[in-house]
């Protein structure tokens, strides 16, 4: 939960005061909660869903239970932060480097919603989708207003901005919405049209951002601090666009207009998966250059989950594409990537626990 947002720190209790110190530290963690902390829920949820599709239901259920508990706690912590540290939360929303991190809440809600729908809790999943859609409508215009009116050249660095998380949040609405469309009865055709529109909007955003991103990393000076886990969202955004495309392909809308788009969706979905695949070796090389050649220590940060999520999403996208295209080799790639994602999840979870423990020790030792 440790983050980078500055906030008023409550007085630390002496180390021997036990519960008072723990409570004060917990309130401090809530006050400084990172706006992208829901990436933890995104990563856990997508791996749970991947194992569900791979028919490892026991492991999937364990991860889903953990994810629901974490999701509920982070929702409560976010609400508490809104009351305890509204200035810090507003500063995050008005910061061009942080505003798109809020889209992790949308993606996390949709990922948990997919897990709920797979287990038969469709009504709950539909309510979560509607809530995520409403939040998206608010954040999408608020975030672009921040870029338009509060931005500067320095703050606009797309490498550090995590702007592609906005695409992940957009495409996550397509995946859950398509899964739940039959529940909306007479409004189902409208939902089908909306999901196709959201898929297209996400692709348009990706085209804009990836152009800026590629220009930045290939034609300007690149330092080790420019390489962060957020870079993996480049691959993750393409992977979730693939997943959303396969969801549209697999669902018959019974609308002639949308059926006519089937060939276009097929081709773009395959291209999106190929583009996601192309990025993986390059992102690995960038990580080797930073931590191997440049000797920068690997340390935990909340955005480490932004690396885990794309691995899980790539696994699910490969599996669903294998079913849509009837290519069995993609199924093997999906299974391998699912286990790689689980290993990455475990390592990041250990880093989170170690970071929380170190944060508590430093807080307990600090003077009041």
Foldseek 3Di string as FASTA:
>chain_A
DAADQDDDQDFADALPPPPVNVVSLVLRRLLRPALLLLLLLLLLLLLLVLVVVVVVPVVSVVSLVVSVVVLVVVVVSPVVNCVVPVVSVVVQCLQQQRNLSNLSNLLSLLSNLVVCVVVPNLVSSVVSLVVSVVVLVVSVVSNVVSCVPVDDPVSNQLLRRLNLSNLSSLLSSLQSLLSNLVVVPPCSLVSLVVSVVSLVVSVVVLVVSVVSVCCDVPPDDDDLVSQDLSVLSNLLSLLSSLVSLLSNLVHDSVDPVSVVCNVVSLVSSVVSLVVSVVCVVVSVVSVCCNCPVVVDDDAADSCLSSNLSSLSSNLSSLCSNCVVVVPCVSPVVSVVSSVVSVVSSVVNVVRVVVVSVVSSVVSNPDGD
